[in-house]
């Protein structure tokens, strides 16, 4: 998929794409240990998230809604092409 194809996707589809890319990055990162600076940054982000749990819950809700919508759009497009 090239850039011109990506920008033609809906916002919801691009969010799903970014999420899939991020998941692939985190899977690769699991193979390589974090350095001290990265560990410190992760700990700071965890602390920040714990201070505002509603924000994280909102993000998960939004991400899941967008994922479901994009999957529905893909299924509709597939059915339309049949």
N, C-alpha and C. Protein backbone atom coordinates (compact mmCIF):
# COMPACT_ATOMS: atom_id res chain seq x y z
N UNK A 1 0.85 -1.17 0.00
CA UNK A 1 0.00 0.00 0.00
C UNK A 1 0.90 1.23 0.00
N UNK A 2 0.66 2.12 -0.96
CA UNK A 2 1.48 3.33 -1.02
C UNK A 2 0.74 4.51 -0.37
N UNK A 3 1.42 5.63 -0.27
CA UNK A 3 0.87 6.80 0.44
C UNK A 3 -0.44 7.27 -0.18
N UNK A 4 -0.52 7.33 -1.50
CA UNK A 4 -1.75 7.82 -2.13
C UNK A 4 -2.94 6.91 -1.82
N UNK A 5 -2.70 5.62 -1.66
CA UNK A 5 -3.77 4.70 -1.27
C UNK A 5 -4.17 4.91 0.19
N UNK A 6 -3.18 5.17 1.02
CA UNK A 6 -3.44 5.38 2.45
C UNK A 6 -4.30 6.61 2.67
N UNK A 7 -3.98 7.72 2.02
CA UNK A 7 -4.74 8.96 2.25
C UNK A 7 -6.16 8.86 1.71
N UNK A 8 -6.44 7.90 0.86
CA UNK A 8 -7.80 7.71 0.36
C UNK A 8 -8.66 6.91 1.34
N UNK A 9 -8.05 6.29 2.33
CA UNK A 9 -8.80 5.56 3.35
C UNK A 9 -9.55 6.55 4.23
N UNK A 10 -10.63 6.07 4.85
CA UNK A 10 -11.35 6.92 5.81
C UNK A 10 -10.47 7.11 7.05
N UNK A 11 -10.82 8.08 7.85
CA UNK A 11 -10.06 8.32 9.09
C UNK A 11 -10.08 7.07 9.96
N UNK A 12 -11.23 6.45 10.07
CA UNK A 12 -11.33 5.24 10.89
C UNK A 12 -10.43 4.13 10.35
N UNK A 13 -10.38 3.97 9.05
CA UNK A 13 -9.52 2.93 8.48
C UNK A 13 -8.04 3.26 8.71
N UNK A 14 -7.69 4.55 8.63
CA UNK A 14 -6.29 4.93 8.89
C UNK A 14 -5.93 4.71 10.34
N UNK A 15 -6.87 4.94 11.26
CA UNK A 15 -6.59 4.67 12.67
C UNK A 15 -6.32 3.18 12.88
N UNK A 16 -7.11 2.34 12.24
CA UNK A 16 -6.90 0.89 12.34
C UNK A 16 -5.54 0.52 11.76
N UNK A 17 -5.18 1.14 10.64
CA UNK A 17 -3.88 0.88 10.02
C UNK A 17 -2.74 1.28 10.95
N UNK A 18 -2.85 2.47 11.53
CA UNK A 18 -1.81 2.93 12.46
C UNK A 18 -1.71 1.97 13.64
N UNK A 19 -2.85 1.53 14.14
CA UNK A 19 -2.86 0.59 15.26
C UNK A 19 -2.16 -0.71 14.88
N UNK A 20 -2.42 -1.20 13.67
CA UNK A 20 -1.77 -2.43 13.21
C UNK A 20 -0.27 -2.24 13.06
N UNK A 21 0.12 -1.08 12.55
CA UNK A 21 1.56 -0.78 12.42
C UNK A 21 2.19 -0.73 13.80
N UNK A 22 1.52 -0.05 14.73
CA UNK A 22 2.05 0.05 16.10
C UNK A 22 2.19 -1.33 16.72
N UNK A 23 1.19 -2.18 16.53
CA UNK A 23 1.27 -3.54 17.08
C UNK A 23 2.47 -4.29 16.50
N UNK A 24 2.75 -4.11 15.21
CA UNK A 24 3.89 -4.79 14.61
C UNK A 24 5.20 -4.26 15.17
N UNK A 25 5.23 -2.96 15.46
CA UNK A 25 6.44 -2.36 16.05
C UNK A 25 6.65 -2.91 17.45
N UNK A 26 5.58 -2.96 18.24
CA UNK A 26 5.74 -3.47 19.61
C UNK A 26 6.13 -4.94 19.61
N UNK A 27 5.63 -5.70 18.63
CA UNK A 27 6.03 -7.11 18.54
C UNK A 27 7.53 -7.22 18.26
N UNK A 28 8.03 -6.36 17.38
CA UNK A 28 9.47 -6.36 17.09
C UNK A 28 10.27 -5.89 18.30
N UNK A 29 9.73 -4.90 19.01
CA UNK A 29 10.45 -4.37 20.17
C UNK A 29 10.57 -5.42 21.27
N UNK A 30 9.61 -6.34 21.34
CA UNK A 30 9.68 -7.38 22.37
C UNK A 30 10.92 -8.25 22.18
N UNK A 31 11.43 -8.28 20.97
CA UNK A 31 12.61 -9.10 20.67
C UNK A 31 13.90 -8.41 21.14
N UNK A 32 13.83 -7.08 21.35
CA UNK A 32 15.01 -6.31 21.73
C UNK A 32 14.76 -5.68 23.10
N UNK A 33 15.63 -5.91 24.07
CA UNK A 33 15.43 -5.32 25.39
C UNK A 33 15.46 -3.79 25.34
N UNK A 34 14.69 -3.17 26.22
CA UNK A 34 14.68 -1.70 26.32
C UNK A 34 15.96 -1.22 27.00
N UNK A 35 16.42 -0.04 26.60
CA UNK A 35 17.55 0.55 27.31
C UNK A 35 17.02 1.34 28.51
N UNK A 36 17.90 1.84 29.33
CA UNK A 36 17.51 2.51 30.57
C UNK A 36 16.62 3.73 30.33
N UNK A 37 16.95 4.51 29.31
CA UNK A 37 16.15 5.71 28.98
C UNK A 37 14.73 5.33 28.57
N UNK A 38 14.60 4.26 27.79
CA UNK A 38 13.27 3.81 27.37
C UNK A 38 12.46 3.27 28.55
N UNK A 39 13.13 2.59 29.46
CA UNK A 39 12.45 2.08 30.66
C UNK A 39 11.94 3.24 31.49
N UNK A 40 12.76 4.27 31.68
CA UNK A 40 12.34 5.46 32.45
C UNK A 40 11.13 6.12 31.80
N UNK A 41 11.16 6.27 30.47
CA UNK A 41 10.05 6.89 29.76
C UNK A 41 8.77 6.07 29.92
N UNK A 42 8.89 4.76 29.81
CA UNK A 42 7.73 3.89 29.97
C UNK A 42 7.15 4.00 31.37
N UNK A 43 8.02 4.05 32.37
CA UNK A 43 7.55 4.18 33.75
C UNK A 43 6.83 5.51 33.96
N UNK A 44 7.35 6.59 33.38
CA UNK A 44 6.69 7.89 33.49
C UNK A 44 5.32 7.87 32.83
N UNK A 45 5.21 7.22 31.70
CA UNK A 45 3.92 7.14 31.00
C UNK A 45 2.92 6.30 31.79
N UNK A 46 3.39 5.22 32.40
CA UNK A 46 2.51 4.39 33.22
C UNK A 46 1.98 5.20 34.39
N UNK A 47 2.85 5.94 35.06
CA UNK A 47 2.44 6.78 36.19
C UNK A 47 1.42 7.82 35.73
N UNK A 48 1.67 8.46 34.60
CA UNK A 48 0.74 9.46 34.07
C UNK A 48 -0.62 8.83 33.75
N UNK A 49 -0.62 7.63 33.18
CA UNK A 49 -1.86 6.95 32.84
C UNK A 49 -2.63 6.55 34.10
N UNK A 50 -1.90 6.17 35.15
CA UNK A 50 -2.55 5.79 36.39
C UNK A 50 -3.20 6.99 37.07
N UNK A 51 -2.66 8.18 36.83
CA UNK A 51 -3.23 9.40 37.41
C UNK A 51 -4.53 9.79 36.71
N UNK A 52 -4.69 9.36 35.43
CA UNK A 52 -5.89 9.69 34.66
C UNK A 52 -6.44 8.43 34.01
N UNK A 53 -6.97 7.51 34.80
CA UNK A 53 -7.46 6.25 34.22
C UNK A 53 -8.63 6.46 33.26
N UNK A 54 -9.43 7.51 33.47
CA UNK A 54 -10.57 7.76 32.57
C UNK A 54 -10.08 8.05 31.16
N UNK A 55 -8.94 8.73 31.04
CA UNK A 55 -8.38 9.03 29.73
C UNK A 55 -8.04 7.74 29.00
N UNK A 56 -7.40 6.81 29.68
CA UNK A 56 -7.03 5.55 29.05
C UNK A 56 -8.26 4.74 28.68
N UNK A 57 -9.28 4.75 29.54
CA UNK A 57 -10.52 4.03 29.23
C UNK A 57 -11.17 4.63 28.00
N UNK A 58 -11.15 5.96 27.88
CA UNK A 58 -11.72 6.64 26.71
C UNK A 58 -10.97 6.23 25.46
N UNK A 59 -9.65 6.18 25.52
CA UNK A 59 -8.85 5.81 24.36
C UNK A 59 -9.17 4.39 23.92
N UNK A 60 -9.26 3.45 24.86
CA UNK A 60 -9.57 2.07 24.51
C UNK A 60 -10.96 1.98 23.86
N UNK A 61 -11.92 2.71 24.41
CA UNK A 61 -13.28 2.70 23.85
C UNK A 61 -13.26 3.25 22.42
N UNK A 62 -12.57 4.35 22.20
CA UNK A 62 -12.50 4.97 20.89
C UNK A 62 -11.79 4.03 19.90
N UNK A 63 -10.69 3.45 20.32
CA UNK A 63 -9.92 2.56 19.45
C UNK A 63 -10.76 1.36 19.04
N UNK A 64 -11.47 0.77 19.99
CA UNK A 64 -12.31 -0.40 19.68
C UNK A 64 -13.46 -0.03 18.76
N UNK A 65 -14.08 1.13 18.97
CA UNK A 65 -15.17 1.57 18.11
C UNK A 65 -14.67 1.79 16.69
N UNK A 66 -13.52 2.42 16.55
CA UNK A 66 -12.96 2.66 15.22
C UNK A 66 -12.58 1.37 14.53
N UNK A 67 -12.06 0.43 15.29
CA UNK A 67 -11.67 -0.86 14.71
C UNK A 67 -12.90 -1.60 14.19
N UNK A 68 -13.98 -1.61 14.99
CA UNK A 68 -15.21 -2.28 14.55
C UNK A 68 -15.78 -1.61 13.32
N UNK A 69 -15.76 -0.29 13.30
CA UNK A 69 -16.31 0.45 12.17
C UNK A 69 -15.52 0.18 10.90
N UNK A 70 -14.22 0.16 11.01
CA UNK A 70 -13.37 -0.09 9.84
C UNK A 70 -13.56 -1.50 9.32
N UNK A 71 -13.71 -2.47 10.22
CA UNK A 71 -13.95 -3.84 9.80
C UNK A 71 -15.28 -3.91 9.08
N UNK A 72 -16.30 -3.24 9.60
CA UNK A 72 -17.60 -3.20 8.95
C UNK A 72 -17.52 -2.57 7.58
N UNK A 73 -16.71 -1.51 7.44
CA UNK A 73 -16.54 -0.85 6.14
C UNK A 73 -15.88 -1.78 5.15
N UNK A 74 -14.87 -2.54 5.60
CA UNK A 74 -14.19 -3.47 4.72
C UNK A 74 -15.13 -4.58 4.27
N UNK A 75 -15.97 -5.07 5.21
CA UNK A 75 -16.91 -6.12 4.86
C UNK A 75 -17.94 -5.61 3.86
N UNK A 76 -18.42 -4.38 4.05
CA UNK A 76 -19.38 -3.79 3.14
C UNK A 76 -18.77 -3.65 1.76
N UNK A 77 -17.53 -3.15 1.70
CA UNK A 77 -16.84 -2.97 0.42
C UNK A 77 -16.68 -4.32 -0.29
N UNK A 78 -16.34 -5.36 0.47
CA UNK A 78 -16.18 -6.69 -0.09
C UNK A 78 -17.52 -7.19 -0.65
N UNK A 79 -18.60 -6.99 0.12
CA UNK A 79 -19.92 -7.42 -0.33
C UNK A 79 -20.38 -6.64 -1.54
N UNK A 80 -20.04 -5.36 -1.62
CA UNK A 80 -20.41 -4.52 -2.76
C UNK A 80 -19.71 -4.98 -4.03
N UNK A 81 -18.50 -5.50 -3.86
CA UNK A 81 -17.72 -5.94 -5.02
C UNK A 81 -18.11 -7.33 -5.50
N UNK A 82 -18.89 -8.05 -4.70
CA UNK A 82 -19.28 -9.43 -5.05
C UNK A 82 -20.33 -9.45 -6.13
